[in-house]
N, C-alpha and C. Protein backbone atom coordinates (compact mmCIF):
# COMPACT_ATOMS: atom_id res chain seq x y z
N MET A 1 2.72 -0.29 20.10
CA MET A 1 2.88 0.64 18.99
C MET A 1 1.57 1.39 18.76
N LYS A 2 1.67 2.63 18.38
CA LYS A 2 0.50 3.47 18.18
C LYS A 2 -0.19 3.20 16.84
N TYR A 3 0.54 2.68 15.87
CA TYR A 3 0.02 2.61 14.51
C TYR A 3 -0.60 1.27 14.15
N LEU A 4 -0.88 0.42 15.10
CA LEU A 4 -1.46 -0.89 14.83
C LEU A 4 -2.98 -0.82 14.87
N PHE A 5 -3.62 -1.67 14.05
CA PHE A 5 -5.07 -1.78 14.06
C PHE A 5 -5.52 -2.54 15.30
N LYS A 6 -6.79 -2.45 15.62
CA LYS A 6 -7.32 -3.17 16.78
C LYS A 6 -7.31 -4.67 16.51
N ASN A 7 -7.25 -5.43 17.57
CA ASN A 7 -7.19 -6.89 17.48
C ASN A 7 -8.44 -7.49 16.85
N LYS A 8 -9.57 -6.83 16.95
CA LYS A 8 -10.82 -7.39 16.44
C LYS A 8 -10.82 -7.53 14.91
N PHE A 9 -9.93 -6.82 14.20
CA PHE A 9 -9.86 -6.92 12.75
C PHE A 9 -9.00 -8.09 12.28
N LYS A 10 -8.21 -8.67 13.17
CA LYS A 10 -7.22 -9.67 12.80
C LYS A 10 -7.83 -10.92 12.17
N ARG A 11 -8.85 -11.48 12.77
CA ARG A 11 -9.42 -12.75 12.29
C ARG A 11 -10.07 -12.58 10.92
N PHE A 12 -10.94 -11.59 10.76
CA PHE A 12 -11.64 -11.39 9.49
C PHE A 12 -10.66 -11.06 8.37
N SER A 13 -9.72 -10.16 8.64
CA SER A 13 -8.77 -9.78 7.59
C SER A 13 -7.83 -10.94 7.26
N GLY A 14 -7.51 -11.77 8.23
CA GLY A 14 -6.67 -12.94 7.96
C GLY A 14 -7.36 -13.93 7.04
N TRP A 15 -8.63 -14.24 7.35
CA TRP A 15 -9.39 -15.14 6.48
C TRP A 15 -9.51 -14.56 5.07
N THR A 16 -9.81 -13.28 4.98
CA THR A 16 -9.94 -12.63 3.68
C THR A 16 -8.62 -12.67 2.92
N PHE A 17 -7.52 -12.41 3.60
CA PHE A 17 -6.20 -12.40 2.97
C PHE A 17 -5.85 -13.77 2.39
N TYR A 18 -5.93 -14.80 3.21
CA TYR A 18 -5.51 -16.12 2.75
C TYR A 18 -6.47 -16.71 1.72
N LEU A 19 -7.77 -16.49 1.87
CA LEU A 19 -8.72 -16.99 0.88
C LEU A 19 -8.58 -16.26 -0.46
N SER A 20 -8.35 -14.95 -0.42
CA SER A 20 -8.21 -14.21 -1.67
C SER A 20 -6.90 -14.55 -2.37
N ILE A 21 -5.84 -14.87 -1.63
CA ILE A 21 -4.61 -15.34 -2.27
C ILE A 21 -4.87 -16.67 -2.97
N GLY A 22 -5.52 -17.59 -2.28
CA GLY A 22 -5.81 -18.90 -2.88
C GLY A 22 -6.71 -18.79 -4.09
N LEU A 23 -7.79 -18.03 -3.98
CA LEU A 23 -8.70 -17.87 -5.11
C LEU A 23 -8.04 -17.12 -6.26
N GLY A 24 -7.25 -16.11 -5.94
CA GLY A 24 -6.54 -15.36 -6.98
C GLY A 24 -5.54 -16.23 -7.73
N LEU A 25 -4.80 -17.07 -7.01
CA LEU A 25 -3.86 -17.99 -7.68
C LEU A 25 -4.60 -18.99 -8.56
N PHE A 26 -5.74 -19.50 -8.08
CA PHE A 26 -6.53 -20.43 -8.88
C PHE A 26 -7.03 -19.77 -10.16
N LEU A 27 -7.61 -18.57 -10.03
CA LEU A 27 -8.14 -17.87 -11.21
C LEU A 27 -7.03 -17.49 -12.17
N MET A 28 -5.87 -17.12 -11.65
CA MET A 28 -4.76 -16.77 -12.53
C MET A 28 -4.22 -17.99 -13.26
N SER A 29 -4.14 -19.13 -12.57
CA SER A 29 -3.60 -20.33 -13.20
C SER A 29 -4.56 -20.92 -14.23
N THR A 30 -5.86 -20.64 -14.11
CA THR A 30 -6.83 -21.14 -15.08
C THR A 30 -7.18 -20.08 -16.13
N ASN A 31 -6.50 -18.95 -16.13
CA ASN A 31 -6.72 -17.85 -17.07
C ASN A 31 -8.15 -17.33 -17.06
N LYS A 32 -8.79 -17.34 -15.92
CA LYS A 32 -10.15 -16.83 -15.78
C LYS A 32 -10.16 -15.42 -15.19
N MET A 33 -9.01 -14.92 -14.78
CA MET A 33 -8.95 -13.62 -14.11
C MET A 33 -9.40 -12.49 -15.03
N HIS A 34 -9.05 -12.56 -16.32
CA HIS A 34 -9.37 -11.47 -17.24
C HIS A 34 -10.85 -11.44 -17.61
N ASP A 35 -11.58 -12.54 -17.33
CA ASP A 35 -13.00 -12.61 -17.67
C ASP A 35 -13.90 -12.07 -16.57
N LEU A 36 -13.35 -11.70 -15.44
CA LEU A 36 -14.15 -11.21 -14.32
C LEU A 36 -14.47 -9.72 -14.49
N LEU A 37 -15.73 -9.38 -14.40
CA LEU A 37 -16.19 -7.99 -14.40
C LEU A 37 -15.61 -7.16 -15.55
N VAL A 38 -15.86 -7.58 -16.78
CA VAL A 38 -15.37 -6.83 -17.93
C VAL A 38 -16.27 -5.62 -18.15
N VAL A 39 -15.71 -4.45 -17.98
CA VAL A 39 -16.43 -3.18 -18.15
C VAL A 39 -15.51 -2.18 -18.82
N LYS A 40 -16.10 -1.06 -19.27
CA LYS A 40 -15.28 0.02 -19.81
C LYS A 40 -14.75 0.84 -18.64
N VAL A 41 -13.45 1.04 -18.64
CA VAL A 41 -12.81 1.81 -17.57
C VAL A 41 -11.98 2.93 -18.18
N PHE A 42 -11.74 3.96 -17.39
CA PHE A 42 -10.90 5.06 -17.84
C PHE A 42 -9.45 4.68 -17.63
N SER A 43 -8.66 4.80 -18.68
CA SER A 43 -7.25 4.44 -18.62
C SER A 43 -6.39 5.67 -18.82
N MET A 44 -5.40 5.83 -17.95
CA MET A 44 -4.46 6.94 -18.12
C MET A 44 -3.40 6.60 -19.16
N PHE A 45 -2.99 5.32 -19.20
CA PHE A 45 -2.01 4.86 -20.18
C PHE A 45 -2.16 3.37 -20.34
N SER A 46 -2.09 2.90 -21.56
CA SER A 46 -2.20 1.47 -21.82
C SER A 46 -1.28 1.11 -22.97
N TYR A 47 -0.64 -0.03 -22.84
CA TYR A 47 0.26 -0.53 -23.88
C TYR A 47 -0.02 -2.01 -24.06
N THR A 48 -0.42 -2.40 -25.25
CA THR A 48 -0.67 -3.82 -25.51
C THR A 48 0.61 -4.46 -26.00
N TRP A 49 0.95 -5.60 -25.43
CA TRP A 49 2.20 -6.28 -25.74
C TRP A 49 2.18 -6.90 -27.13
N VAL A 50 1.03 -7.37 -27.59
CA VAL A 50 0.97 -8.10 -28.85
C VAL A 50 1.17 -7.18 -30.03
N GLY A 51 0.34 -6.15 -30.15
CA GLY A 51 0.42 -5.27 -31.30
C GLY A 51 1.29 -4.06 -31.06
N GLY A 52 1.67 -3.83 -29.84
CA GLY A 52 2.48 -2.67 -29.52
C GLY A 52 1.70 -1.37 -29.59
N GLU A 53 0.38 -1.43 -29.43
CA GLU A 53 -0.44 -0.23 -29.49
C GLU A 53 -0.36 0.54 -28.17
N LYS A 54 -0.23 1.84 -28.30
CA LYS A 54 -0.22 2.69 -27.11
C LYS A 54 -1.50 3.52 -27.11
N HIS A 55 -2.10 3.62 -25.96
CA HIS A 55 -3.30 4.43 -25.81
C HIS A 55 -3.06 5.42 -24.68
N GLY A 56 -3.44 6.64 -24.92
CA GLY A 56 -3.32 7.65 -23.88
C GLY A 56 -4.57 7.68 -23.03
N LEU A 57 -4.98 8.86 -22.65
CA LEU A 57 -6.20 9.01 -21.85
C LEU A 57 -7.39 8.55 -22.67
N GLY A 58 -8.22 7.72 -22.06
CA GLY A 58 -9.41 7.27 -22.77
C GLY A 58 -10.05 6.08 -22.11
N TRP A 59 -11.14 5.62 -22.72
CA TRP A 59 -11.90 4.51 -22.19
C TRP A 59 -11.55 3.25 -22.95
N GLN A 60 -11.47 2.14 -22.23
CA GLN A 60 -11.22 0.85 -22.87
C GLN A 60 -11.85 -0.25 -22.04
N GLU A 61 -12.11 -1.40 -22.67
CA GLU A 61 -12.68 -2.53 -21.94
C GLU A 61 -11.58 -3.25 -21.19
N ASN A 62 -11.89 -3.63 -19.98
CA ASN A 62 -10.90 -4.31 -19.14
C ASN A 62 -11.63 -5.18 -18.13
N GLY A 63 -11.06 -6.34 -17.85
CA GLY A 63 -11.57 -7.17 -16.77
C GLY A 63 -11.00 -6.67 -15.45
N LEU A 64 -11.85 -6.36 -14.50
CA LEU A 64 -11.39 -5.77 -13.25
C LEU A 64 -10.97 -6.81 -12.21
N GLY A 65 -10.90 -8.08 -12.59
CA GLY A 65 -10.52 -9.13 -11.65
C GLY A 65 -9.14 -8.91 -11.06
N ASN A 66 -8.16 -8.60 -11.91
CA ASN A 66 -6.79 -8.37 -11.42
C ASN A 66 -6.74 -7.24 -10.41
N GLU A 67 -7.37 -6.14 -10.76
CA GLU A 67 -7.32 -4.97 -9.90
C GLU A 67 -8.02 -5.20 -8.57
N LEU A 68 -9.20 -5.83 -8.62
CA LEU A 68 -9.95 -6.08 -7.39
C LEU A 68 -9.23 -7.05 -6.46
N PHE A 69 -8.67 -8.13 -7.03
CA PHE A 69 -7.95 -9.08 -6.19
C PHE A 69 -6.67 -8.47 -5.63
N THR A 70 -5.99 -7.64 -6.41
CA THR A 70 -4.78 -6.98 -5.92
C THR A 70 -5.11 -6.07 -4.74
N ILE A 71 -6.14 -5.26 -4.87
CA ILE A 71 -6.53 -4.36 -3.78
C ILE A 71 -6.99 -5.16 -2.57
N LEU A 72 -7.80 -6.21 -2.80
CA LEU A 72 -8.29 -7.04 -1.70
C LEU A 72 -7.15 -7.71 -0.94
N ILE A 73 -6.19 -8.26 -1.67
CA ILE A 73 -5.06 -8.94 -1.03
C ILE A 73 -4.20 -7.95 -0.26
N ILE A 74 -3.91 -6.80 -0.86
CA ILE A 74 -3.04 -5.83 -0.19
C ILE A 74 -3.71 -5.24 1.06
N VAL A 75 -4.97 -4.81 0.94
CA VAL A 75 -5.64 -4.18 2.08
C VAL A 75 -5.85 -5.19 3.21
N SER A 76 -6.36 -6.38 2.88
CA SER A 76 -6.58 -7.37 3.94
C SER A 76 -5.26 -7.85 4.53
N GLY A 77 -4.21 -7.94 3.71
CA GLY A 77 -2.90 -8.33 4.22
C GLY A 77 -2.31 -7.30 5.15
N ILE A 78 -2.45 -6.04 4.81
CA ILE A 78 -1.91 -4.98 5.67
C ILE A 78 -2.68 -4.92 6.99
N VAL A 79 -4.01 -5.03 6.93
CA VAL A 79 -4.79 -5.00 8.16
C VAL A 79 -4.46 -6.20 9.03
N HIS A 80 -4.34 -7.38 8.42
CA HIS A 80 -4.00 -8.59 9.19
C HIS A 80 -2.59 -8.49 9.78
N THR A 81 -1.66 -8.01 8.97
CA THR A 81 -0.27 -7.92 9.41
C THR A 81 -0.09 -6.91 10.54
N PHE A 82 -0.77 -5.80 10.46
CA PHE A 82 -0.57 -4.73 11.43
C PHE A 82 -1.73 -4.58 12.40
N SER A 83 -2.35 -5.70 12.75
CA SER A 83 -3.34 -5.72 13.83
C SER A 83 -2.65 -6.17 15.10
N LYS A 84 -3.06 -5.60 16.21
CA LYS A 84 -2.45 -5.94 17.50
C LYS A 84 -2.73 -7.39 17.86
N GLU A 85 -1.80 -7.97 18.59
CA GLU A 85 -2.04 -9.27 19.21
C GLU A 85 -2.86 -9.05 20.47
N LYS A 86 -3.42 -10.11 21.03
CA LYS A 86 -4.19 -9.96 22.27
C LYS A 86 -3.31 -9.42 23.39
N ILE A 87 -2.07 -9.92 23.44
CA ILE A 87 -1.09 -9.41 24.40
C ILE A 87 0.04 -8.79 23.57
N GLU A 88 0.04 -7.48 23.49
CA GLU A 88 1.03 -6.76 22.69
C GLU A 88 2.03 -6.13 23.64
N ASP A 89 3.23 -6.71 23.74
CA ASP A 89 4.26 -6.18 24.62
C ASP A 89 5.53 -5.95 23.82
N GLU A 90 6.62 -5.65 24.52
CA GLU A 90 7.88 -5.35 23.86
C GLU A 90 8.44 -6.56 23.11
N LEU A 91 8.24 -7.75 23.64
CA LEU A 91 8.74 -8.95 22.97
C LEU A 91 8.00 -9.19 21.65
N VAL A 92 6.70 -8.98 21.64
CA VAL A 92 5.93 -9.13 20.40
C VAL A 92 6.36 -8.07 19.40
N SER A 93 6.62 -6.86 19.86
CA SER A 93 7.13 -5.81 18.97
C SER A 93 8.48 -6.18 18.39
N LYS A 94 9.33 -6.80 19.21
CA LYS A 94 10.64 -7.25 18.72
C LYS A 94 10.47 -8.34 17.67
N PHE A 95 9.58 -9.31 17.93
CA PHE A 95 9.29 -10.36 16.93
C PHE A 95 8.75 -9.75 15.65
N ARG A 96 7.91 -8.74 15.79
CA ARG A 96 7.31 -8.09 14.62
C ARG A 96 8.39 -7.42 13.77
N MET A 97 9.30 -6.70 14.42
CA MET A 97 10.37 -6.00 13.70
C MET A 97 11.33 -6.99 13.05
N GLU A 98 11.73 -8.03 13.77
CA GLU A 98 12.65 -9.02 13.21
C GLU A 98 12.01 -9.77 12.05
N SER A 99 10.73 -10.08 12.16
CA SER A 99 10.03 -10.79 11.09
C SER A 99 9.91 -9.93 9.84
N LEU A 100 9.64 -8.64 10.04
CA LEU A 100 9.55 -7.74 8.89
C LEU A 100 10.91 -7.60 8.21
N THR A 101 11.96 -7.47 8.99
CA THR A 101 13.30 -7.37 8.42
C THR A 101 13.68 -8.62 7.64
N LEU A 102 13.44 -9.79 8.22
CA LEU A 102 13.76 -11.04 7.54
C LEU A 102 12.94 -11.23 6.28
N SER A 103 11.65 -10.87 6.32
CA SER A 103 10.82 -11.02 5.13
C SER A 103 11.27 -10.08 4.01
N LEU A 104 11.73 -8.89 4.35
CA LEU A 104 12.27 -7.97 3.34
C LEU A 104 13.55 -8.52 2.73
N PHE A 105 14.45 -9.05 3.55
CA PHE A 105 15.68 -9.64 3.03
C PHE A 105 15.39 -10.80 2.09
N ILE A 106 14.50 -11.69 2.49
CA ILE A 106 14.15 -12.84 1.64
C ILE A 106 13.51 -12.37 0.35
N ASN A 107 12.59 -11.42 0.45
CA ASN A 107 11.88 -10.94 -0.73
C ASN A 107 12.83 -10.30 -1.73
N TYR A 108 13.71 -9.43 -1.26
CA TYR A 108 14.62 -8.78 -2.19
C TYR A 108 15.72 -9.72 -2.66
N GLY A 109 16.03 -10.75 -1.90
CA GLY A 109 16.91 -11.80 -2.40
C GLY A 109 16.28 -12.52 -3.58
N ILE A 110 14.97 -12.79 -3.48
CA ILE A 110 14.25 -13.41 -4.59
C ILE A 110 14.24 -12.48 -5.80
N VAL A 111 14.07 -11.18 -5.59
CA VAL A 111 14.08 -10.23 -6.70
C VAL A 111 15.45 -10.21 -7.38
N ILE A 112 16.52 -10.20 -6.60
CA ILE A 112 17.87 -10.17 -7.19
C ILE A 112 18.15 -11.44 -7.97
N ILE A 113 17.83 -12.59 -7.40
CA ILE A 113 18.04 -13.86 -8.11
C ILE A 113 17.18 -13.93 -9.36
N SER A 114 15.94 -13.46 -9.28
CA SER A 114 15.05 -13.47 -10.44
C SER A 114 15.55 -12.52 -11.53
N THR A 115 16.11 -11.40 -11.13
CA THR A 115 16.65 -10.46 -12.11
C THR A 115 17.78 -11.10 -12.90
N LEU A 116 18.56 -11.93 -12.25
CA LEU A 116 19.69 -12.58 -12.92
C LEU A 116 19.28 -13.78 -13.77
N PHE A 117 18.24 -14.50 -13.38
CA PHE A 117 17.96 -15.79 -14.02
C PHE A 117 16.59 -15.94 -14.65
N VAL A 118 15.68 -14.98 -14.51
CA VAL A 118 14.33 -15.10 -15.06
C VAL A 118 14.12 -13.94 -16.03
N TYR A 119 13.51 -14.23 -17.19
CA TYR A 119 13.41 -13.21 -18.24
C TYR A 119 11.99 -13.11 -18.80
N ASN A 120 11.77 -12.07 -19.58
CA ASN A 120 10.53 -11.82 -20.32
C ASN A 120 9.33 -11.67 -19.39
N MET A 121 8.17 -12.17 -19.81
CA MET A 121 6.95 -11.99 -19.02
C MET A 121 6.98 -12.76 -17.71
N THR A 122 7.74 -13.84 -17.66
CA THR A 122 7.86 -14.60 -16.41
C THR A 122 8.46 -13.71 -15.32
N TYR A 123 9.40 -12.86 -15.70
CA TYR A 123 10.00 -11.92 -14.74
C TYR A 123 8.94 -10.95 -14.21
N MET A 124 8.04 -10.52 -15.09
CA MET A 124 6.97 -9.62 -14.65
C MET A 124 6.06 -10.31 -13.64
N TYR A 125 5.78 -11.61 -13.86
CA TYR A 125 4.97 -12.36 -12.90
C TYR A 125 5.69 -12.47 -11.55
N VAL A 126 7.00 -12.65 -11.58
CA VAL A 126 7.77 -12.71 -10.34
C VAL A 126 7.64 -11.38 -9.59
N LEU A 127 7.74 -10.27 -10.31
CA LEU A 127 7.61 -8.96 -9.67
C LEU A 127 6.21 -8.74 -9.10
N ILE A 128 5.20 -9.23 -9.81
CA ILE A 128 3.83 -9.11 -9.30
C ILE A 128 3.66 -9.93 -8.03
N PHE A 129 4.20 -11.16 -8.02
CA PHE A 129 4.10 -11.98 -6.82
C PHE A 129 4.87 -11.36 -5.65
N ASN A 130 5.92 -10.61 -5.95
CA ASN A 130 6.68 -9.97 -4.88
C ASN A 130 5.91 -8.85 -4.20
N LEU A 131 4.86 -8.34 -4.86
CA LEU A 131 3.99 -7.37 -4.19
C LEU A 131 3.36 -7.98 -2.94
N PHE A 132 3.00 -9.27 -3.04
CA PHE A 132 2.28 -9.93 -1.97
C PHE A 132 3.19 -10.76 -1.08
N SER A 133 4.35 -11.12 -1.57
CA SER A 133 5.20 -12.04 -0.80
C SER A 133 5.77 -11.41 0.46
N ILE A 134 5.98 -10.10 0.48
CA ILE A 134 6.48 -9.46 1.70
C ILE A 134 5.48 -9.66 2.84
N ILE A 135 4.21 -9.39 2.56
CA ILE A 135 3.18 -9.54 3.58
C ILE A 135 3.03 -11.01 3.96
N PHE A 136 3.01 -11.89 2.96
CA PHE A 136 2.82 -13.32 3.21
C PHE A 136 3.99 -13.89 4.02
N LEU A 137 5.22 -13.58 3.62
CA LEU A 137 6.39 -14.07 4.35
C LEU A 137 6.43 -13.51 5.77
N PHE A 138 6.10 -12.23 5.92
CA PHE A 138 6.07 -11.64 7.25
C PHE A 138 5.12 -12.41 8.16
N ASN A 139 3.91 -12.69 7.65
CA ASN A 139 2.93 -13.41 8.47
C ASN A 139 3.42 -14.80 8.83
N LEU A 140 4.03 -15.50 7.88
CA LEU A 140 4.55 -16.84 8.18
C LEU A 140 5.64 -16.79 9.25
N ILE A 141 6.58 -15.90 9.09
CA ILE A 141 7.70 -15.80 10.03
C ILE A 141 7.22 -15.33 11.41
N PHE A 142 6.37 -14.32 11.42
CA PHE A 142 5.86 -13.77 12.68
C PHE A 142 5.04 -14.79 13.45
N ARG A 143 4.13 -15.47 12.75
CA ARG A 143 3.31 -16.50 13.40
C ARG A 143 4.18 -17.64 13.92
N TYR A 144 5.20 -18.03 13.16
CA TYR A 144 6.10 -19.11 13.60
C TYR A 144 6.85 -18.70 14.87
N ARG A 145 7.33 -17.46 14.90
CA ARG A 145 8.05 -17.00 16.09
C ARG A 145 7.14 -16.91 17.31
N LEU A 146 5.92 -16.45 17.11
CA LEU A 146 4.97 -16.42 18.23
C LEU A 146 4.64 -17.84 18.69
N TYR A 147 4.46 -18.75 17.75
CA TYR A 147 4.16 -20.14 18.09
C TYR A 147 5.31 -20.75 18.90
N LYS A 148 6.54 -20.54 18.43
CA LYS A 148 7.71 -21.08 19.15
C LYS A 148 7.83 -20.47 20.54
N HIS A 149 7.52 -19.18 20.66
CA HIS A 149 7.61 -18.51 21.96
C HIS A 149 6.57 -19.05 22.94
N TYR A 150 5.33 -19.19 22.48
CA TYR A 150 4.26 -19.61 23.38
C TYR A 150 4.28 -21.09 23.69
N THR A 151 4.92 -21.91 22.85
CA THR A 151 4.99 -23.35 23.14
C THR A 151 6.23 -23.73 23.92
N SER A 152 7.17 -22.82 24.08
CA SER A 152 8.38 -23.16 24.84
C SER A 152 8.25 -22.77 26.30
């Protein structure tokens, strides 16, 4: 495929992806994410859930931990996911396409089930996790298929 990154990016981006997911989950579960890098940022729109205050264009204090980890996870995940294998042939391309299709089906199945049975802010957390689960599931399925192919 023409649109894949070089193989040399795969190892570094993979380590960055999996470590940032682990660290991000830890910081989120301990409620430390909002305390990271609190600075004044320009906001196009903001709505606070507690008081229901709406803010238009303007400056407000915000912890940039969420934003930085989101960008880090997405960029490193995309680079890791779409980096060439050492031997990139038609079979690997087929595994890549099938893994992407299966990960999309699983991910949107989770979204549909969550829409029916999960409510309030917990539903928002499910949607946030679904941003990363497509890449994560793809990598799990793709690596498993390559492992099964090379060990058989």
